[in-house]
Amino acid sequence: MPPTRPDNPAAPPPTMWALRLHGPGFGNLRLEEVPTPKPAAGQLLARVEAALVCASDLKIIEQGSDHTLMYGWDLSRHPVPIGHEGCLTVARVGEGLPDEYAIGSRFAVQPAVPAAPRHHRDRYRDQAEGLDKVLIGYTLDGLFAEYVLITEEVIETGCLLPLPDPQLPSYAAALAEPLSCVVSAQEHTVHILKGGPTQPRAPRLGPKPGGLVVVVGAGPMGRLHVELALLHGPSKIIVSDPNSARLERLRTTLAAKAERRGISLVCTHPDRLPSVVSTESGGRGADDLILAVGIRDVQEQSLSLLAKGGVANLFGGLKSGDHTLSLDARRLHYDSISLVGSSGGDPSDVAKALSLLADGAVDAGAYIAAVGGLDAATDLLEAVRDQRLDGKALIYPALRSPLRFVEGWSADKERAFLGR
């Protein structure tokens, strides 16, 4: 078993441990000792303080080089560390970078980098011709590693975000990326509002103030949607999920916050959702429908819940081959309903997420369901794959510690776990 590293980000060792993908399937996922990268001019080396497992990690493990965002990269010849949600501390700085990237400074990452690759273009299909986006944890080194090389395109596009509070716990900073996806999704929602019959129309981003929000899916991303929707001031939020334990967890973590804001929070099972929406809305329907599950039939059937002028956010991605929805075009036309979608966020969304986490508007610890060291990364990924977690799985790459299931997390628990 690889040893635990000393707590000194400014003294990276000549080699490091990384969980690298060599091809499709868990059998091609290997924890390996590799040379620690050395940053060139315009680059930096960062120690990975904490990283979270995402369902997207499972897709690249399943598909390997066939994943769309690998762009032809051959993992059998050029394996890469995966992982894209995390918190970093600068360990070495290449020439030419400004003082904000000083050793010891802490950052979160936006993994979707809107730029063509600067390096290894020969490893991409057609020499990377026409590419305008690369991703950390795909063809750029990922965060399931003790250290990660941050290249020029990441820095120049603002995808390395400084923490607004230097005391922000690492697990909370790591949650900024998934939270940023929720920020982006809700800000893609647009309501056309009027102050009166003769007043001009005005667009407003986000769930409708004073309206009724329906969230389908009470998993961790669905709960993040509920928590963020509370900030927009709807009158009611209805959450549907077939899993009673998930609904109870949502009540436990968010009911008091909703009550303080004067917002009614109603939890129900899918078979009762239409009648509950009808009752709670007086037969009008939902102003906002957030589909936090990637199941075609559920998304298709849920569209009937929308009120006139309502907006459906198709947050949960559908599987290829099962991704076409049937739509009542007459409702779209005569009732002015809208469908929107988004995939991930951008640096501004990560910055907003970091502010929400630093201010305590979102409790990151409530979303942590399992923790472990880098040697537990495969176990954590398998737990997510097997749906044994109702929350996020957290990896501390500097440690060697087996998988541990937890009921929430905190700054004190993080310090104790790290032995600080």
Protein backbone atom coordinates (compact mmCIF):
# COMPACT_ATOMS: atom_id res chain seq x y z
CA MET A 1 0.00 0.00 0.00
CA PRO A 2 1.41 3.46 -0.86
CA PRO A 3 2.37 5.56 2.15
CA THR A 4 0.56 8.64 3.42
CA ARG A 5 2.39 11.78 2.29
CA PRO A 6 3.59 14.42 4.77
CA ASP A 7 1.46 17.55 5.04
CA ASN A 8 3.71 19.90 3.07
CA PRO A 9 2.32 20.98 -0.32
CA ALA A 10 5.44 23.03 -1.09
CA ALA A 11 7.68 19.94 -1.07
CA PRO A 12 6.28 17.55 -3.69
CA PRO A 13 8.10 14.22 -3.88
CA PRO A 14 9.72 12.97 -7.11
CA THR A 15 6.95 10.41 -7.56
CA MET A 16 3.26 10.42 -6.71
CA TRP A 17 0.31 8.05 -6.66
CA ALA A 18 -2.53 8.43 -9.15
CA LEU A 19 -5.63 6.45 -10.14
CA ARG A 20 -5.21 6.14 -13.90
CA LEU A 21 -7.55 4.75 -16.54
CA HIS A 22 -5.91 2.53 -19.18
CA GLY A 23 -9.06 1.54 -21.07
CA PRO A 24 -12.77 0.80 -20.60
CA GLY A 25 -13.96 -0.94 -17.45
CA PHE A 26 -12.94 -1.06 -13.80
CA GLY A 27 -10.32 -3.67 -14.66
CA ASN A 28 -8.40 -0.93 -16.47
CA LEU A 29 -8.44 1.42 -13.48
CA ARG A 30 -5.13 1.22 -11.62
CA LEU A 31 -3.56 2.98 -8.64
CA GLU A 32 0.01 3.57 -9.80
CA GLU A 33 3.18 5.33 -8.73
CA VAL A 34 4.19 7.76 -11.48
CA PRO A 35 6.63 10.68 -11.80
CA THR A 36 5.36 13.89 -10.25
CA PRO A 37 4.86 16.40 -13.09
CA LYS A 38 7.13 19.45 -13.32
CA PRO A 39 5.41 22.66 -14.41
CA ALA A 40 6.79 24.53 -17.40
CA ALA A 41 6.41 28.28 -17.92
CA GLY A 42 2.77 29.30 -17.61
CA GLN A 43 1.86 26.11 -15.71
CA LEU A 44 1.62 25.12 -12.07
CA LEU A 45 1.64 21.98 -10.00
CA ALA A 46 -1.04 21.66 -7.35
CA ARG A 47 -1.58 19.23 -4.52
CA VAL A 48 -5.07 17.75 -4.59
CA GLU A 49 -6.55 18.35 -1.14
CA ALA A 50 -9.92 16.70 -1.77
CA ALA A 51 -11.79 15.26 -4.72
CA LEU A 52 -15.38 14.10 -5.17
CA VAL A 53 -16.69 11.22 -7.23
CA CYS A 54 -19.15 12.19 -9.96
CA ALA A 55 -21.49 9.98 -11.98
CA SER A 56 -19.67 11.31 -15.05
CA ASP A 57 -16.55 9.49 -13.85
CA LEU A 58 -18.46 6.24 -14.31
CA LYS A 59 -19.20 7.11 -17.93
CA ILE A 60 -15.56 7.54 -18.84
CA ILE A 61 -14.66 4.34 -16.99
CA GLU A 62 -17.37 2.49 -18.89
CA GLN A 63 -16.55 3.94 -22.31
CA GLY A 64 -12.80 4.57 -22.12
CA SER A 65 -11.39 6.03 -25.33
CA ASP A 66 -14.83 5.81 -26.98
CA HIS A 67 -16.14 8.57 -24.71
CA THR A 68 -17.11 11.57 -26.84
CA LEU A 69 -14.94 13.95 -24.83
CA MET A 70 -11.79 11.86 -25.29
CA TYR A 71 -11.68 12.93 -28.95
CA GLY A 72 -9.84 9.79 -30.06
CA TRP A 73 -7.27 9.75 -27.23
CA ASP A 74 -5.91 6.19 -26.87
CA LEU A 75 -5.94 5.35 -23.16
CA SER A 76 -4.10 2.09 -23.68
CA ARG A 77 -1.08 4.08 -24.88
CA HIS A 78 -1.61 7.24 -22.83
CA PRO A 79 -3.47 6.50 -19.55
CA VAL A 80 -4.78 9.47 -17.59
CA PRO A 81 -5.80 10.14 -13.97
CA ILE A 82 -9.56 10.69 -13.85
CA GLY A 83 -11.61 12.91 -11.50
CA HIS A 84 -12.73 16.50 -12.00
CA GLU A 85 -14.34 17.85 -8.80
CA GLY A 86 -11.82 19.06 -6.26
CA CYS A 87 -9.88 21.51 -4.15
CA LEU A 88 -6.21 22.28 -4.86
CA THR A 89 -3.23 23.92 -3.14
CA VAL A 90 -0.45 25.33 -5.31
CA ALA A 91 2.82 23.42 -4.81
CA ARG A 92 5.08 24.70 -7.62
CA VAL A 93 4.73 27.65 -9.97
CA GLY A 94 6.10 27.90 -13.49
CA GLU A 95 7.69 31.07 -14.78
CA GLY A 96 5.50 33.94 -15.86
CA LEU A 97 2.49 33.39 -13.59
CA PRO A 98 1.24 36.27 -11.42
CA ASP A 99 1.46 36.41 -7.63
CA GLU A 100 -2.12 35.15 -7.17
CA TYR A 101 -0.77 31.67 -7.90
CA ALA A 102 1.76 31.73 -5.07
CA ILE A 103 2.72 28.48 -3.36
CA GLY A 104 0.14 27.63 -0.70
CA SER A 105 -2.78 29.45 -2.36
CA ARG A 106 -5.95 27.38 -2.66
CA PHE A 107 -8.30 26.94 -5.62
CA ALA A 108 -11.31 25.09 -6.94
CA VAL A 109 -11.52 24.04 -10.57
CA GLN A 110 -13.96 24.37 -13.43
CA PRO A 111 -13.09 21.18 -15.35
CA ALA A 112 -14.67 22.04 -18.71
CA VAL A 113 -12.02 24.26 -20.27
CA PRO A 114 -13.27 26.30 -23.26
CA ALA A 115 -10.03 26.16 -25.25
CA ALA A 116 -8.19 23.99 -27.72
CA PRO A 117 -5.50 21.72 -26.23
CA ARG A 118 -2.01 23.20 -26.05
CA HIS A 119 -0.16 19.92 -25.63
CA HIS A 120 -0.11 16.40 -27.10
CA ARG A 121 -2.23 17.42 -30.08
CA ASP A 122 -0.97 14.35 -31.91
CA ARG A 123 -2.88 12.17 -29.42
CA TYR A 124 -6.21 13.65 -30.51
CA ARG A 125 -8.26 12.74 -33.55
CA ASP A 126 -7.24 14.85 -36.57
CA GLN A 127 -4.46 16.50 -34.57
CA ALA A 128 -7.18 18.23 -32.43
CA GLU A 129 -8.38 20.17 -35.47
CA GLY A 130 -11.57 22.08 -34.61
CA LEU A 131 -11.53 21.28 -30.88
CA ASP A 132 -12.58 24.17 -28.68
CA LYS A 133 -13.01 22.40 -25.32
CA VAL A 134 -10.90 20.03 -23.22
CA LEU A 135 -11.64 18.63 -19.79
CA ILE A 136 -9.78 17.94 -16.57
CA GLY A 137 -10.10 14.26 -15.76
CA TYR A 138 -10.41 13.34 -19.42
CA THR A 139 -7.52 14.32 -21.70
CA LEU A 140 -6.15 16.75 -19.10
CA ASP A 141 -4.80 15.16 -15.93
CA GLY A 142 -7.51 14.55 -13.35
CA LEU A 143 -7.80 14.90 -9.60
CA PHE A 144 -7.74 11.32 -8.32
CA ALA A 145 -4.05 11.82 -7.73
CA GLU A 146 -1.78 13.33 -5.10
CA TYR A 147 -0.74 16.13 -7.44
CA VAL A 148 -2.07 17.53 -10.70
CA LEU A 149 -0.42 19.56 -13.44
CA ILE A 150 -2.51 22.64 -14.28
CA THR A 151 -1.72 23.67 -17.85
CA GLU A 152 -1.88 27.02 -19.61
CA GLU A 153 -5.34 26.67 -21.12
CA VAL A 154 -6.88 26.03 -17.70
CA ILE A 155 -5.29 29.15 -16.20
CA GLU A 156 -5.85 31.45 -19.17
CA THR A 157 -9.58 30.68 -19.38
CA GLY A 158 -10.17 31.42 -15.68
CA CYS A 159 -10.94 27.79 -14.85
CA LEU A 160 -8.87 27.92 -11.67
CA LEU A 161 -10.98 29.76 -9.09
CA PRO A 162 -9.47 31.17 -5.86
CA LEU A 163 -11.32 30.33 -2.67
CA PRO A 164 -13.21 33.37 -1.32
CA ASP A 165 -12.36 32.32 2.24
CA PRO A 166 -8.94 30.78 2.96
CA GLN A 167 -10.54 28.78 5.78
CA LEU A 168 -13.13 27.12 3.52
CA PRO A 169 -12.83 23.36 4.15
CA SER A 170 -11.48 21.35 1.25
CA TYR A 171 -14.58 19.15 0.97
CA ALA A 172 -16.74 22.27 0.64
CA ALA A 173 -14.52 23.76 -2.07
CA ALA A 174 -14.69 20.44 -3.92
CA LEU A 175 -18.51 20.65 -3.93
CA ALA A 176 -18.31 23.93 -5.86
CA GLU A 177 -18.18 22.11 -9.21
CA PRO A 178 -21.37 20.03 -8.85
CA LEU A 179 -23.10 23.01 -7.22
CA SER A 180 -22.01 25.17 -10.17
CA CYS A 181 -23.92 22.82 -12.49
CA VAL A 182 -27.07 23.55 -10.46
CA VAL A 183 -26.36 27.30 -10.48
CA SER A 184 -25.98 27.20 -14.26
CA ALA A 185 -29.11 25.08 -14.78
CA GLN A 186 -31.33 27.35 -12.70
CA GLU A 187 -29.94 30.48 -14.38
CA HIS A 188 -30.79 28.94 -17.77
CA THR A 189 -34.42 29.09 -16.65
CA VAL A 190 -36.08 32.23 -18.00
CA HIS A 191 -39.52 33.51 -17.00
CA ILE A 192 -41.19 36.27 -18.99
CA LEU A 193 -42.89 38.50 -16.42
CA LYS A 194 -45.26 41.47 -16.78
CA GLY A 195 -46.16 44.06 -14.16
CA GLY A 196 -49.64 44.44 -15.66
CA PRO A 197 -51.58 43.97 -18.91
CA THR A 198 -50.14 47.11 -20.46
CA GLN A 199 -46.64 46.73 -19.04
CA PRO A 200 -43.75 45.49 -21.19
CA ARG A 201 -42.46 41.98 -20.84
CA ALA A 202 -39.27 41.51 -18.82
CA PRO A 203 -37.13 38.39 -18.56
CA ARG A 204 -36.02 37.02 -15.20
CA LEU A 205 -33.46 34.27 -14.63
CA GLY A 206 -34.17 31.49 -12.18
CA PRO A 207 -37.26 29.88 -10.65
CA LYS A 208 -40.27 32.19 -10.48
CA PRO A 209 -40.50 34.21 -7.23
CA GLY A 210 -43.68 33.28 -5.40
CA GLY A 211 -44.26 30.39 -7.76
CA LEU A 212 -44.50 26.63 -7.40
CA VAL A 213 -41.34 24.57 -8.04
CA VAL A 214 -41.47 20.82 -8.63
CA VAL A 215 -38.21 18.87 -8.35
CA VAL A 216 -38.33 15.31 -9.67
CA GLY A 217 -35.56 13.31 -7.99
CA ALA A 218 -34.31 13.65 -4.40
CA GLY A 219 -30.77 12.38 -4.90
CA PRO A 220 -27.84 14.66 -4.03
CA MET A 221 -28.23 16.77 -7.17
CA GLY A 222 -31.98 17.02 -6.66
CA ARG A 223 -31.39 18.16 -3.06
CA LEU A 224 -28.92 20.78 -4.29
CA HIS A 225 -31.61 22.01 -6.68
CA VAL A 226 -34.07 22.32 -3.80
CA GLU A 227 -31.55 24.17 -1.63
CA LEU A 228 -30.69 26.62 -4.40
CA ALA A 229 -34.35 27.10 -5.40
CA LEU A 230 -35.09 28.22 -1.83
CA LEU A 231 -32.91 31.28 -2.49
CA HIS A 232 -35.18 32.39 -5.34
CA GLY A 233 -38.20 32.72 -3.04
CA PRO A 234 -40.90 30.42 -4.44
CA SER A 235 -44.03 29.93 -2.36
CA LYS A 236 -43.85 26.13 -2.49
CA ILE A 237 -41.44 23.38 -3.49
CA ILE A 238 -42.71 19.86 -4.16
CA VAL A 239 -40.15 17.05 -4.34
CA SER A 240 -40.89 13.62 -5.79
CA ASP A 241 -38.86 10.42 -5.42
CA PRO A 242 -39.77 6.73 -5.10
CA ASN A 243 -37.23 6.28 -2.29
CA SER A 244 -38.74 7.19 1.08
CA ALA A 245 -35.32 7.35 2.76
CA ARG A 246 -34.20 9.99 0.27
CA LEU A 247 -37.30 12.07 0.92
CA GLU A 248 -36.75 11.79 4.67
CA ARG A 249 -33.13 12.90 4.29
CA LEU A 250 -34.31 15.91 2.31
CA ARG A 251 -36.83 16.80 5.03
CA THR A 252 -34.17 16.42 7.70
CA THR A 253 -31.67 18.68 5.96
CA LEU A 254 -33.89 21.31 4.33
CA ALA A 255 -37.32 21.51 6.00
CA ALA A 256 -36.17 23.94 8.71
CA LYS A 257 -34.43 26.16 6.17
CA ALA A 258 -37.59 26.26 4.04
CA GLU A 259 -39.72 27.08 7.07
CA ARG A 260 -37.44 30.01 8.04
CA ARG A 261 -37.95 31.43 4.56
CA GLY A 262 -41.70 30.94 4.69
CA ILE A 263 -41.62 28.35 1.89
CA SER A 264 -43.78 25.23 2.00
CA LEU A 265 -41.77 22.05 1.34
CA VAL A 266 -43.82 19.02 0.30
CA CYS A 267 -42.38 15.54 -0.31
CA THR A 268 -44.26 12.83 -2.17
CA HIS A 269 -43.91 9.64 -4.15
CA PRO A 270 -44.25 9.66 -7.96
CA ASP A 271 -47.67 7.96 -8.02
CA ARG A 272 -49.13 10.84 -6.01
CA LEU A 273 -47.23 13.66 -7.69
CA PRO A 274 -49.91 14.76 -10.20
CA SER A 275 -52.63 14.99 -7.52
CA VAL A 276 -50.30 16.77 -5.08
CA VAL A 277 -49.29 19.33 -7.73
CA SER A 278 -52.93 19.89 -8.62
CA THR A 279 -53.93 20.35 -4.98
CA GLU A 280 -50.99 22.62 -4.04
CA SER A 281 -51.41 24.79 -7.14
CA GLY A 282 -55.19 24.99 -7.16
CA GLY A 283 -55.25 23.07 -10.43
CA ARG A 284 -52.87 25.49 -12.17
CA GLY A 285 -49.70 23.38 -12.30
CA ALA A 286 -46.02 24.04 -11.70
CA ASP A 287 -44.26 27.25 -12.66
CA ASP A 288 -40.91 25.45 -12.59
CA LEU A 289 -40.25 21.78 -13.22
CA ILE A 290 -36.71 20.56 -12.51
CA LEU A 291 -36.10 17.06 -13.83
CA ALA A 292 -33.12 15.84 -11.79
CA VAL A 293 -33.37 12.26 -13.09
CA GLY A 294 -32.16 10.98 -16.44
CA ILE A 295 -35.09 8.66 -17.20
CA ARG A 296 -36.90 9.31 -20.48
CA ASP A 297 -40.38 8.14 -19.45
CA VAL A 298 -40.24 10.13 -16.20
CA GLN A 299 -39.19 13.30 -18.03
CA GLU A 300 -41.81 12.85 -20.73
CA GLN A 301 -44.69 12.22 -18.32
CA SER A 302 -43.66 15.03 -15.96
CA LEU A 303 -44.08 17.71 -18.63
CA SER A 304 -47.86 17.51 -18.14
CA LEU A 305 -47.35 19.05 -14.67
CA LEU A 306 -46.42 22.48 -16.09
CA ALA A 307 -48.70 25.48 -15.66
CA LYS A 308 -49.25 27.99 -18.44
CA GLY A 309 -45.99 29.88 -18.90
CA GLY A 310 -44.14 27.20 -16.96
CA VAL A 311 -40.54 26.19 -17.60
CA ALA A 312 -39.14 22.66 -17.53
CA ASN A 313 -35.42 22.21 -16.89
CA LEU A 314 -34.13 18.94 -18.35
CA PHE A 315 -31.23 18.64 -15.90
CA GLY A 316 -30.84 14.86 -15.89
CA GLY A 317 -29.03 13.70 -19.02
CA LEU A 318 -30.63 10.84 -20.97
CA LYS A 319 -28.72 7.81 -22.25
CA SER A 320 -27.73 7.75 -25.89
CA GLY A 321 -30.31 5.80 -27.87
CA ASP A 322 -33.05 6.58 -25.35
CA HIS A 323 -32.95 10.35 -25.47
CA THR A 324 -35.87 11.43 -27.66
CA LEU A 325 -38.92 12.87 -25.90
CA SER A 326 -42.46 13.08 -27.27
CA LEU A 327 -43.82 16.59 -26.79
CA ASP A 328 -47.31 18.05 -26.92
CA ALA A 329 -46.62 20.90 -29.32
CA ARG A 330 -50.07 22.39 -28.77
CA ARG A 331 -49.19 23.00 -25.11
CA LEU A 332 -45.90 24.54 -26.15
CA HIS A 333 -47.79 26.83 -28.52
CA TYR A 334 -50.99 27.72 -26.68
CA ASP A 335 -49.76 27.56 -23.06
CA SER A 336 -46.35 29.17 -23.73
CA ILE A 337 -44.44 26.52 -21.85
CA SER A 338 -40.67 26.35 -22.27
CA LEU A 339 -38.05 23.60 -22.12
CA VAL A 340 -34.44 24.43 -21.27
CA GLY A 341 -31.30 22.46 -20.68
CA SER A 342 -27.70 22.95 -19.70
CA SER A 343 -24.62 20.80 -19.30
CA GLY A 344 -22.23 21.83 -16.55
CA GLY A 345 -21.30 25.39 -15.69
CA ASP A 346 -18.58 27.88 -16.42
CA PRO A 347 -16.08 29.75 -14.21
CA SER A 348 -18.69 32.33 -13.18
CA ASP A 349 -20.92 29.54 -11.90
CA VAL A 350 -18.08 28.01 -9.87
CA ALA A 351 -17.32 31.45 -8.42
CA LYS A 352 -20.96 31.88 -7.38
CA ALA A 353 -21.02 28.37 -5.93
CA LEU A 354 -17.90 29.09 -3.88
CA SER A 355 -19.54 32.25 -2.50
CA LEU A 356 -22.68 30.31 -1.52
CA LEU A 357 -20.55 27.69 0.23
CA ALA A 358 -18.33 30.23 1.99
CA ASP A 359 -21.39 32.21 3.18
CA GLY A 360 -23.08 29.09 4.52
CA ALA A 361 -26.04 29.45 2.17
CA VAL A 362 -25.40 25.83 1.13
CA ASP A 363 -24.24 23.24 3.69
CA ALA A 364 -21.69 21.14 1.80
CA GLY A 365 -21.33 18.64 4.64
CA ALA A 366 -24.93 17.50 4.28
CA TYR A 367 -24.09 15.99 0.90
CA ILE A 368 -21.11 13.83 1.93
CA ALA A 369 -22.03 10.15 2.35
CA ALA A 370 -18.65 8.36 2.22
CA VAL A 371 -14.97 9.23 2.59
CA GLY A 372 -11.65 7.50 2.05
CA GLY A 373 -8.07 7.88 0.95
CA LEU A 374 -6.71 7.48 -2.56
CA ASP A 375 -6.48 3.72 -2.03
CA ALA A 376 -10.28 3.72 -1.50
CA ALA A 377 -11.03 5.60 -4.73
CA THR A 378 -12.02 2.48 -6.67
CA ASP A 379 -14.24 1.34 -3.79
CA LEU A 380 -15.90 4.76 -3.72
CA LEU A 381 -16.46 4.69 -7.48
CA GLU A 382 -18.00 1.21 -7.21
CA ALA A 383 -20.25 2.36 -4.37
CA VAL A 384 -21.55 5.17 -6.59
CA ARG A 385 -21.97 2.77 -9.51
CA ASP A 386 -23.90 0.30 -7.36
CA GLN A 387 -26.08 3.08 -5.91
CA ARG A 388 -24.99 2.30 -2.37
CA LEU A 389 -24.63 6.00 -1.57
CA ASP A 390 -27.23 8.71 -1.16
CA GLY A 391 -24.73 11.52 -1.41
CA LYS A 392 -21.25 12.37 -2.62
CA ALA A 393 -18.15 10.21 -2.18
CA LEU A 394 -15.09 12.13 -0.94
CA ILE A 395 -11.44 11.24 -1.58
CA TYR A 396 -8.46 12.68 0.29
CA PRO A 397 -5.55 11.79 -2.04
CA ALA A 398 -2.82 12.47 0.54
CA LEU A 399 -4.21 9.76 2.82
CA ARG A 400 -4.43 5.99 2.76
CA SER A 401 -7.70 5.08 4.41
CA PRO A 402 -10.40 2.53 3.55
CA LEU A 403 -13.93 3.38 2.47
CA ARG A 404 -15.98 4.78 5.33
CA PHE A 405 -19.71 5.54 5.15
CA VAL A 406 -20.68 8.72 7.01
CA GLU A 407 -23.78 10.72 7.88
CA GLY A 408 -22.66 14.16 6.79
CA TRP A 409 -19.30 15.88 7.16
CA SER A 410 -17.88 19.03 8.75
CA ALA A 411 -14.70 21.07 9.07
CA ASP A 412 -13.98 19.42 12.42
CA LYS A 413 -14.47 15.95 10.97
CA GLU A 414 -12.18 16.82 8.06
CA ARG A 415 -9.43 18.07 10.39
CA ALA A 416 -9.72 14.94 12.55
CA PHE A 417 -9.66 12.66 9.52
CA LEU A 418 -6.53 14.40 8.20
CA GLY A 419 -4.91 14.34 11.65
CA ARG A 420 -4.57 18.10 11.86
